[in-house]
Amino acid sequence: LLTIIKILIEIAFKMKLKAGYEQIYQQRHDEIWPELVDLLKDTQIQNYSIFLDEETLFLFAILWIPNQEYLEKLPENPVMQKWWAYMQDIM
């Protein structure tokens, strides 16, 4: 009998949404780019969830990843840089 255990690291972080941009934020995430979805899959990010506290406009994010080094390489990726630039005006 062989048992395989997959170890995942849980990462949590927060961001701040600018006031008045709640609907735009939701729309942009509802229309997430296929290339960004592919990047997250390629990076083996799992169970990525973001929650908005409507009173404070803080966004709380949680994700699981098997190796933190994968996450540390994301800022170098052109797709990630493009997404951050796209979201910069509302966050």
PDB file of N, CA and C in Angstrom:
ATOM      1  N   LEU A   1       0.855  -1.186   0.000  1.00  0.00           N
ATOM      2  CA  LEU A   1       0.000   0.000   0.000  1.00  0.00           C
ATOM      3  C   LEU A   1       0.889   1.234   0.000  1.00  0.00           C
ATOM      4  N   LEU A   2       0.625   2.109  -0.932  1.00  0.00           N
ATOM      5  CA  LEU A   2       1.381   3.345  -1.056  1.00  0.00           C
ATOM      6  C   LEU A   2       0.470   4.512  -0.717  1.00  0.00           C
ATOM      7  N   THR A   3       0.900   5.347   0.201  1.00  0.00           N
ATOM      8  CA  THR A   3       0.133   6.531   0.573  1.00  0.00           C
ATOM      9  C   THR A   3       0.904   7.757   0.134  1.00  0.00           C
ATOM     10  N   ILE A   4       0.252   8.605  -0.627  1.00  0.00           N
ATOM     11  CA  ILE A   4       0.883   9.843  -1.083  1.00  0.00           C
ATOM     12  C   ILE A   4       0.219  10.995  -0.343  1.00  0.00           C
ATOM     13  N   ILE A   5       1.045  11.798   0.271  1.00  0.00           N
ATOM     14  CA  ILE A   5       0.551  12.959   0.999  1.00  0.00           C
ATOM     15  C   ILE A   5       1.078  14.202   0.299  1.00  0.00           C
ATOM     16  N   LYS A   6       0.176  15.067  -0.085  1.00  0.00           N
ATOM     17  CA  LYS A   6       0.557  16.308  -0.735  1.00  0.00           C
ATOM     18  C   LYS A   6       0.515  17.414   0.310  1.00  0.00           C
ATOM     19  N   ILE A   7       1.634  18.037   0.532  1.00  0.00           N
ATOM     20  CA  ILE A   7       1.733  19.118   1.509  1.00  0.00           C
ATOM     21  C   ILE A   7       1.512  20.446   0.790  1.00  0.00           C
ATOM     22  N   LEU A   8       0.617  21.241   1.317  1.00  0.00           N
ATOM     23  CA  LEU A   8       0.354  22.563   0.758  1.00  0.00           C
ATOM     24  C   LEU A   8       0.600  23.619   1.824  1.00  0.00           C
ATOM     25  N   ILE A   9       1.106  24.742   1.385  1.00  0.00           N
ATOM     26  CA  ILE A   9       1.331  25.881   2.265  1.00  0.00           C
ATOM     27  C   ILE A   9       0.160  26.835   2.085  1.00  0.00           C
ATOM     28  N   GLU A  10      -0.425  27.271   3.185  1.00  0.00           N
ATOM     29  CA  GLU A  10      -1.518  28.240   3.112  1.00  0.00           C
ATOM     30  C   GLU A  10      -0.935  29.637   3.268  1.00  0.00           C
ATOM     31  N   ILE A  11      -1.257  30.496   2.320  1.00  0.00           N
ATOM     32  CA  ILE A  11      -0.771  31.874   2.330  1.00  0.00           C
ATOM     33  C   ILE A  11      -1.990  32.784   2.458  1.00  0.00           C
ATOM     34  N   ALA A  12      -1.901  33.794   3.292  1.00  0.00           N
ATOM     35  CA  ALA A  12      -2.965  34.783   3.428  1.00  0.00           C
ATOM     36  C   ALA A  12      -2.340  36.178   3.346  1.00  0.00           C
ATOM     37  N   PHE A  13      -3.069  37.078   2.723  1.00  0.00           N
ATOM     38  CA  PHE A  13      -2.594  38.461   2.639  1.00  0.00           C
ATOM     39  C   PHE A  13      -3.788  39.380   2.460  1.00  0.00           C
ATOM     40  N   LYS A  14      -3.545  40.682   2.611  1.00  0.00           N
ATOM     41  CA  LYS A  14      -4.643  41.629   2.447  1.00  0.00           C
ATOM     42  C   LYS A  14      -4.219  42.745   1.499  1.00  0.00           C
ATOM     43  N   MET A  15      -5.234  43.329   0.863  1.00  0.00           N
ATOM     44  CA  MET A  15      -5.063  44.448  -0.051  1.00  0.00           C
ATOM     45  C   MET A  15      -6.149  45.473   0.289  1.00  0.00           C
ATOM     46  N   LYS A  16      -6.072  46.632  -0.279  1.00  0.00           N
ATOM     47  CA  LYS A  16      -7.067  47.677   0.005  1.00  0.00           C
ATOM     48  C   LYS A  16      -7.672  48.157  -1.306  1.00  0.00           C
ATOM     49  N   LEU A  17      -9.000  48.149  -1.356  1.00  0.00           N
ATOM     50  CA  LEU A  17      -9.742  48.626  -2.511  1.00  0.00           C
ATOM     51  C   LEU A  17     -10.077  50.099  -2.294  1.00  0.00           C
ATOM     52  N   LYS A  18      -9.949  50.896  -3.341  1.00  0.00           N
ATOM     53  CA  LYS A  18     -10.316  52.311  -3.235  1.00  0.00           C
ATOM     54  C   LYS A  18     -11.837  52.436  -3.150  1.00  0.00           C
ATOM     55  N   ALA A  19     -12.289  53.390  -2.366  1.00  0.00           N
ATOM     56  CA  ALA A  19     -13.729  53.606  -2.183  1.00  0.00           C
ATOM     57  C   ALA A  19     -14.396  53.932  -3.513  1.00  0.00           C
ATOM     58  N   GLY A  20     -15.583  53.351  -3.706  1.00  0.00           N
ATOM     59  CA  GLY A  20     -16.356  53.605  -4.899  1.00  0.00           C
ATOM     60  C   GLY A  20     -16.061  52.672  -6.063  1.00  0.00           C
ATOM     61  N   TYR A  21     -15.114  51.767  -5.889  1.00  0.00           N
ATOM     62  CA  TYR A  21     -14.710  50.873  -6.974  1.00  0.00           C
ATOM     63  C   TYR A  21     -15.147  49.426  -6.759  1.00  0.00           C
ATOM     64  N   GLU A  22     -16.068  49.199  -5.848  1.00  0.00           N
ATOM     65  CA  GLU A  22     -16.480  47.836  -5.527  1.00  0.00           C
ATOM     66  C   GLU A  22     -17.052  47.109  -6.759  1.00  0.00           C
ATOM     67  N   GLN A  23     -17.927  47.764  -7.515  1.00  0.00           N
ATOM     68  CA  GLN A  23     -18.539  47.112  -8.675  1.00  0.00           C
ATOM     69  C   GLN A  23     -17.516  46.860  -9.784  1.00  0.00           C
ATOM     70  N   ILE A  24     -16.633  47.815 -10.005  1.00  0.00           N
ATOM     71  CA  ILE A  24     -15.594  47.638 -11.029  1.00  0.00           C
ATOM     72  C   ILE A  24     -14.677  46.492 -10.638  1.00  0.00           C
ATOM     73  N   TYR A  25     -14.321  46.428  -9.363  1.00  0.00           N
ATOM     74  CA  TYR A  25     -13.483  45.323  -8.883  1.00  0.00           C
ATOM     75  C   TYR A  25     -14.163  43.982  -9.157  1.00  0.00           C
ATOM     76  N   GLN A  26     -15.435  43.878  -8.811  1.00  0.00           N
ATOM     77  CA  GLN A  26     -16.169  42.627  -9.015  1.00  0.00           C
ATOM     78  C   GLN A  26     -16.236  42.271 -10.503  1.00  0.00           C
ATOM     79  N   GLN A  27     -16.499  43.261 -11.327  1.00  0.00           N
ATOM     80  CA  GLN A  27     -16.593  43.023 -12.773  1.00  0.00           C
ATOM     81  C   GLN A  27     -15.255  42.522 -13.327  1.00  0.00           C
ATOM     82  N   ARG A  28     -14.170  43.152 -12.936  1.00  0.00           N
ATOM     83  CA  ARG A  28     -12.859  42.743 -13.440  1.00  0.00           C
ATOM     84  C   ARG A  28     -12.526  41.314 -13.013  1.00  0.00           C
ATOM     85  N   HIS A  29     -12.880  40.959 -11.792  1.00  0.00           N
ATOM     86  CA  HIS A  29     -12.590  39.592 -11.349  1.00  0.00           C
ATOM     87  C   HIS A  29     -13.539  38.575 -11.984  1.00  0.00           C
ATOM     88  N   ASP A  30     -14.752  38.992 -12.279  1.00  0.00           N
ATOM     89  CA  ASP A  30     -15.681  38.098 -12.978  1.00  0.00           C
ATOM     90  C   ASP A  30     -15.203  37.808 -14.396  1.00  0.00           C
ATOM     91  N   GLU A  31     -14.437  38.737 -14.950  1.00  0.00           N
ATOM     92  CA  GLU A  31     -13.921  38.601 -16.316  1.00  0.00           C
ATOM     93  C   GLU A  31     -12.422  38.300 -16.298  1.00  0.00           C
ATOM     94  N   ILE A  32     -11.962  37.521 -15.325  1.00  0.00           N
ATOM     95  CA  ILE A  32     -10.537  37.220 -15.195  1.00  0.00           C
ATOM     96  C   ILE A  32      -9.993  36.658 -16.510  1.00  0.00           C
ATOM     97  N   TRP A  33      -8.814  37.069 -16.874  1.00  0.00           N
ATOM     98  CA  TRP A  33      -8.205  36.678 -18.141  1.00  0.00           C
ATOM     99  C   TRP A  33      -7.842  35.194 -18.142  1.00  0.00           C
ATOM    100  N   PRO A  34      -8.086  34.510 -19.237  1.00  0.00           N
ATOM    101  CA  PRO A  34      -7.704  33.090 -19.338  1.00  0.00           C
ATOM    102  C   PRO A  34      -6.203  32.872 -19.118  1.00  0.00           C
ATOM    103  N   GLU A  35      -5.384  33.814 -19.584  1.00  0.00           N
ATOM    104  CA  GLU A  35      -3.932  33.647 -19.398  1.00  0.00           C
ATOM    105  C   GLU A  35      -3.526  33.772 -17.929  1.00  0.00           C
ATOM    106  N   LEU A  36      -4.291  34.531 -17.144  1.00  0.00           N
ATOM    107  CA  LEU A  36      -4.023  34.616 -15.706  1.00  0.00           C
ATOM    108  C   LEU A  36      -4.459  33.331 -15.014  1.00  0.00           C
ATOM    109  N   VAL A  37      -5.606  32.799 -15.414  1.00  0.00           N
ATOM    110  CA  VAL A  37      -6.058  31.511 -14.868  1.00  0.00           C
ATOM    111  C   VAL A  37      -5.017  30.433 -15.170  1.00  0.00           C
ATOM    112  N   ASP A  38      -4.503  30.423 -16.395  1.00  0.00           N
ATOM    113  CA  ASP A  38      -3.464  29.447 -16.771  1.00  0.00           C
ATOM    114  C   ASP A  38      -2.202  29.625 -15.932  1.00  0.00           C
ATOM    115  N   LEU A  39      -1.803  30.864 -15.700  1.00  0.00           N
ATOM    116  CA  LEU A  39      -0.618  31.129 -14.895  1.00  0.00           C
ATOM    117  C   LEU A  39      -0.796  30.600 -13.473  1.00  0.00           C
ATOM    118  N   LEU A  40      -1.957  30.837 -12.877  1.00  0.00           N
ATOM    119  CA  LEU A  40      -2.204  30.353 -11.518  1.00  0.00           C
ATOM    120  C   LEU A  40      -2.181  28.824 -11.474  1.00  0.00           C
ATOM    121  N   LYS A  41      -2.746  28.189 -12.500  1.00  0.00           N
ATOM    122  CA  LYS A  41      -2.703  26.724 -12.565  1.00  0.00           C
ATOM    123  C   LYS A  41      -1.274  26.230 -12.743  1.00  0.00           C
ATOM    124  N   ASP A  42      -0.526  26.877 -13.641  1.00  0.00           N
ATOM    125  CA  ASP A  42       0.866  26.486 -13.883  1.00  0.00           C
ATOM    126  C   ASP A  42       1.722  26.658 -12.628  1.00  0.00           C
ATOM    127  N   THR A  43       1.356  27.632 -11.805  1.00  0.00           N
ATOM    128  CA  THR A  43       2.069  27.898 -10.556  1.00  0.00           C
ATOM    129  C   THR A  43       1.587  26.981  -9.441  1.00  0.00           C
ATOM    130  N   GLN A  44       0.577  26.173  -9.735  1.00  0.00           N
ATOM    131  CA  GLN A  44      -0.008  25.206  -8.809  1.00  0.00           C
ATOM    132  C   GLN A  44      -0.713  25.855  -7.624  1.00  0.00           C
ATOM    133  N   ILE A  45      -1.197  27.071  -7.846  1.00  0.00           N
ATOM    134  CA  ILE A  45      -1.987  27.736  -6.820  1.00  0.00           C
ATOM    135  C   ILE A  45      -3.362  27.082  -6.775  1.00  0.00           C
ATOM    136  N   GLN A  46      -3.815  26.788  -5.576  1.00  0.00           N
ATOM    137  CA  GLN A  46      -5.094  26.116  -5.384  1.00  0.00           C
ATOM    138  C   GLN A  46      -5.940  26.874  -4.369  1.00  0.00           C
ATOM    139  N   ASN A  47      -7.245  26.714  -4.495  1.00  0.00           N
ATOM    140  CA  ASN A  47      -8.197  27.299  -3.534  1.00  0.00           C
ATOM    141  C   ASN A  47      -7.936  28.781  -3.273  1.00  0.00           C
ATOM    142  N   TYR A  48      -7.695  29.525  -4.343  1.00  0.00           N
ATOM    143  CA  TYR A  48      -7.444  30.963  -4.224  1.00  0.00           C
ATOM    144  C   TYR A  48      -8.785  31.662  -4.032  1.00  0.00           C
ATOM    145  N   SER A  49      -8.962  32.287  -2.900  1.00  0.00           N
ATOM    146  CA  SER A  49     -10.205  32.989  -2.587  1.00  0.00           C
ATOM    147  C   SER A  49      -9.884  34.384  -2.094  1.00  0.00           C
ATOM    148  N   ILE A  50     -10.718  35.334  -2.493  1.00  0.00           N
ATOM    149  CA  ILE A  50     -10.579  36.715  -2.040  1.00  0.00           C
ATOM    150  C   ILE A  50     -11.927  37.152  -1.478  1.00  0.00           C
ATOM    151  N   PHE A  51     -11.890  37.765  -0.296  1.00  0.00           N
ATOM    152  CA  PHE A  51     -13.099  38.219   0.383  1.00  0.00           C
ATOM    153  C   PHE A  51     -12.995  39.718   0.635  1.00  0.00           C
ATOM    154  N   LEU A  52     -14.063  40.438   0.331  1.00  0.00           N
ATOM    155  CA  LEU A  52     -14.098  41.881   0.538  1.00  0.00           C
ATOM    156  C   LEU A  52     -14.848  42.206   1.823  1.00  0.00           C
ATOM    157  N   ASP A  53     -14.196  42.947   2.712  1.00  0.00           N
ATOM    158  CA  ASP A  53     -14.873  43.505   3.883  1.00  0.00           C
ATOM    159  C   ASP A  53     -15.438  44.848   3.426  1.00  0.00           C
ATOM    160  N   GLU A  54     -16.746  44.906   3.231  1.00  0.00           N
ATOM    161  CA  GLU A  54     -17.383  46.086   2.651  1.00  0.00           C
ATOM    162  C   GLU A  54     -17.306  47.319   3.554  1.00  0.00           C
ATOM    163  N   GLU A  55     -17.108  47.121   4.839  1.00  0.00           N
ATOM    164  CA  GLU A  55     -16.992  48.265   5.761  1.00  0.00           C
ATOM    165  C   GLU A  55     -15.630  48.939   5.665  1.00  0.00           C
ATOM    166  N   THR A  56     -14.569  48.141   5.558  1.00  0.00           N
ATOM    167  CA  THR A  56     -13.213  48.698   5.544  1.00  0.00           C
ATOM    168  C   THR A  56     -12.599  48.744   4.153  1.00  0.00           C
ATOM    169  N   LEU A  57     -13.200  48.037   3.201  1.00  0.00           N
ATOM    170  CA  LEU A  57     -12.704  47.875   1.830  1.00  0.00           C
ATOM    171  C   LEU A  57     -11.387  47.107   1.770  1.00  0.00           C
ATOM    172  N   PHE A  58     -11.076  46.373   2.833  1.00  0.00           N
ATOM    173  CA  PHE A  58      -9.930  45.477   2.775  1.00  0.00           C
ATOM    174  C   PHE A  58     -10.326  44.198   2.049  1.00  0.00           C
ATOM    175  N   LEU A  59      -9.439  43.733   1.212  1.00  0.00           N
ATOM    176  CA  LEU A  59      -9.588  42.456   0.523  1.00  0.00           C
ATOM    177  C   LEU A  59      -8.678  41.471   1.222  1.00  0.00           C
ATOM    178  N   PHE A  60      -9.230  40.365   1.677  1.00  0.00           N
ATOM    179  CA  PHE A  60      -8.461  39.323   2.340  1.00  0.00           C
ATOM    180  C   PHE A  60      -8.354  38.145   1.388  1.00  0.00           C
ATOM    181  N   ALA A  61      -7.136  37.748   1.091  1.00  0.00           N
ATOM    182  CA  ALA A  61      -6.910  36.664   0.136  1.00  0.00           C
ATOM    183  C   ALA A  61      -6.266  35.472   0.828  1.00  0.00           C
ATOM    184  N   ILE A  62      -6.677  34.292   0.392  1.00  0.00           N
ATOM    185  CA  ILE A  62      -6.122  33.040   0.907  1.00  0.00           C
ATOM    186  C   ILE A  62      -5.870  32.135  -0.293  1.00  0.00           C
ATOM    187  N   LEU A  63      -4.731  31.469  -0.276  1.00  0.00           N
ATOM    188  CA  LEU A  63      -4.439  30.497  -1.333  1.00  0.00           C
ATOM    189  C   LEU A  63      -3.572  29.394  -0.761  1.00  0.00           C
ATOM    190  N   TRP A  64      -3.573  28.288  -1.460  1.00  0.00           N
ATOM    191  CA  TRP A  64      -2.715  27.161  -1.100  1.00  0.00           C
ATOM    192  C   TRP A  64      -1.750  26.937  -2.253  1.00  0.00           C
ATOM    193  N   ILE A  65      -0.519  26.605  -1.898  1.00  0.00           N
ATOM    194  CA  ILE A  65       0.507  26.369  -2.914  1.00  0.00           C
ATOM    195  C   ILE A  65       1.484  25.326  -2.367  1.00  0.00           C
ATOM    196  N   PRO A  66       1.987  24.429  -3.223  1.00  0.00           N
ATOM    197  CA  PRO A  66       2.871  23.384  -2.723  1.00  0.00           C
ATOM    198  C   PRO A  66       4.297  23.866  -2.436  1.00  0.00           C
ATOM    199  N   ASN A  67       4.673  24.986  -3.025  1.00  0.00           N
ATOM    200  CA  ASN A  67       6.044  25.461  -2.854  1.00  0.00           C
ATOM    201  C   ASN A  67       6.023  26.987  -2.898  1.00  0.00           C
ATOM    202  N   GLN A  68       6.450  27.624  -1.836  1.00  0.00           N
ATOM    203  CA  GLN A  68       6.407  29.082  -1.758  1.00  0.00           C
ATOM    204  C   GLN A  68       7.285  29.736  -2.818  1.00  0.00           C
ATOM    205  N   GLU A  69       8.295  29.031  -3.303  1.00  0.00           N
ATOM    206  CA  GLU A  69       9.158  29.585  -4.354  1.00  0.00           C
ATOM    207  C   GLU A  69       8.359  29.891  -5.618  1.00  0.00           C
ATOM    208  N   TYR A  70       7.336  29.084  -5.905  1.00  0.00           N
ATOM    209  CA  TYR A  70       6.489  29.358  -7.072  1.00  0.00           C
ATOM    210  C   TYR A  70       5.825  30.717  -6.936  1.00  0.00           C
ATOM    211  N   LEU A  71       5.347  31.011  -5.739  1.00  0.00           N
ATOM    212  CA  LEU A  71       4.678  32.276  -5.476  1.00  0.00           C
ATOM    213  C   LEU A  71       5.657  33.440  -5.578  1.00  0.00           C
ATOM    214  N   GLU A  72       6.869  33.242  -5.124  1.00  0.00           N
ATOM    215  CA  GLU A  72       7.878  34.298  -5.145  1.00  0.00           C
ATOM    216  C   GLU A  72       8.301  34.665  -6.561  1.00  0.00           C
ATOM    217  N   LYS A  73       8.087  33.765  -7.527  1.00  0.00           N
ATOM    218  CA  LYS A  73       8.448  34.031  -8.920  1.00  0.00           C
ATOM    219  C   LYS A  73       7.335  34.747  -9.689  1.00  0.00           C
ATOM    220  N   LEU A  74       6.135  34.775  -9.146  1.00  0.00           N
ATOM    221  CA  LEU A  74       5.007  35.407  -9.842  1.00  0.00           C
ATOM    222  C   LEU A  74       5.249  36.870 -10.216  1.00  0.00           C
ATOM    223  N   PRO A  75       5.838  37.695  -9.358  1.00  0.00           N
ATOM    224  CA  PRO A  75       6.038  39.104  -9.734  1.00  0.00           C
ATOM    225  C   PRO A  75       6.881  39.286 -10.999  1.00  0.00           C
ATOM    226  N   GLU A  76       7.687  38.315 -11.348  1.00  0.00           N
ATOM    227  CA  GLU A  76       8.523  38.408 -12.542  1.00  0.00           C
ATOM    228  C   GLU A  76       7.739  38.096 -13.817  1.00  0.00           C
ATOM    229  N   ASN A  77       6.577  37.483 -13.686  1.00  0.00           N
ATOM    230  CA  ASN A  77       5.833  37.028 -14.843  1.00  0.00           C
ATOM    231  C   ASN A  77       5.111  38.196 -15.524  1.00  0.00           C
ATOM    232  N   PRO A  78       5.239  38.328 -16.851  1.00  0.00           N
ATOM    233  CA  PRO A  78       4.586  39.436 -17.565  1.00  0.00           C
ATOM    234  C   PRO A  78       3.062  39.456 -17.429  1.00  0.00           C
ATOM    235  N   VAL A  79       2.421  38.300 -17.365  1.00  0.00           N
ATOM    236  CA  VAL A  79       0.963  38.257 -17.194  1.00  0.00           C
ATOM    237  C   VAL A  79       0.582  38.830 -15.835  1.00  0.00           C
ATOM    238  N   MET A  80       1.324  38.472 -14.801  1.00  0.00           N
ATOM    239  CA  MET A  80       1.046  38.982 -13.455  1.00  0.00           C
ATOM    240  C   MET A  80       1.285  40.484 -13.411  1.00  0.00           C
ATOM    241  N   GLN A  81       2.349  40.954 -14.028  1.00  0.00           N
ATOM    242  CA  GLN A  81       2.641  42.388 -14.062  1.00  0.00           C
ATOM    243  C   GLN A  81       1.535  43.157 -14.786  1.00  0.00           C
ATOM    244  N   LYS A  82       1.033  42.575 -15.871  1.00  0.00           N
ATOM    245  CA  LYS A  82      -0.044  43.199 -16.642  1.00  0.00           C
ATOM    246  C   LYS A  82      -1.333  43.266 -15.808  1.00  0.00           C
ATOM    247  N   TRP A  83      -1.635  42.187 -15.071  1.00  0.00           N
ATOM    248  CA  TRP A  83      -2.833  42.162 -14.216  1.00  0.00           C
ATOM    249  C   TRP A  83      -2.719  43.213 -13.117  1.00  0.00           C
ATOM    250  N   TRP A  84      -1.566  43.294 -12.467  1.00  0.00           N
ATOM    251  CA  TRP A  84      -1.394  44.281 -11.398  1.00  0.00           C
ATOM    252  C   TRP A  84      -1.537  45.704 -11.939  1.00  0.00           C
ATOM    253  N   ALA A  85      -1.006  45.957 -13.125  1.00  0.00           N
ATOM    254  CA  ALA A  85      -1.145  47.281 -13.737  1.00  0.00           C
ATOM    255  C   ALA A  85      -2.616  47.579 -14.037  1.00  0.00           C
ATOM    256  N   TYR A  86      -3.344  46.565 -14.479  1.00  0.00           N
ATOM    257  CA  TYR A  86      -4.770  46.687 -14.781  1.00  0.00           C
ATOM    258  C   TYR A  86      -5.583  46.998 -13.521  1.00  0.00           C
ATOM    259  N   MET A  87      -5.196  46.458 -12.398  1.00  0.00           N
ATOM    260  CA  MET A  87      -5.930  46.638 -11.152  1.00  0.00           C
ATOM    261  C   MET A  87      -5.447  47.850 -10.341  1.00  0.00           C
ATOM    262  N   GLN A  88      -4.313  48.412 -10.693  1.00  0.00           N
ATOM    263  CA  GLN A  88      -3.674  49.455  -9.901  1.00  0.00           C
ATOM    264  C   GLN A  88      -4.561  50.682  -9.678  1.00  0.00           C
ATOM    265  N   ASP A  89      -5.384  51.044 -10.658  1.00  0.00           N
ATOM    266  CA  ASP A  89      -6.182  52.249 -10.511  1.00  0.00           C
ATOM    267  C   ASP A  89      -7.314  52.130  -9.497  1.00  0.00           C
ATOM    268  N   ILE A  90      -7.655  50.909  -9.106  1.00  0.00           N
ATOM    269  CA  ILE A  90      -8.757  50.726  -8.152  1.00  0.00           C
ATOM    270  C   ILE A  90      -8.287  50.195  -6.793  1.00  0.00           C
ATOM    271  N   MET A  91      -7.018  49.941  -6.666  1.00  0.00           N
ATOM    272  CA  MET A  91      -6.496  49.387  -5.417  1.00  0.00           C
ATOM    273  C   MET A  91      -5.373  50.252  -4.881  1.00  0.00           C
TER     274      MET A  91
END
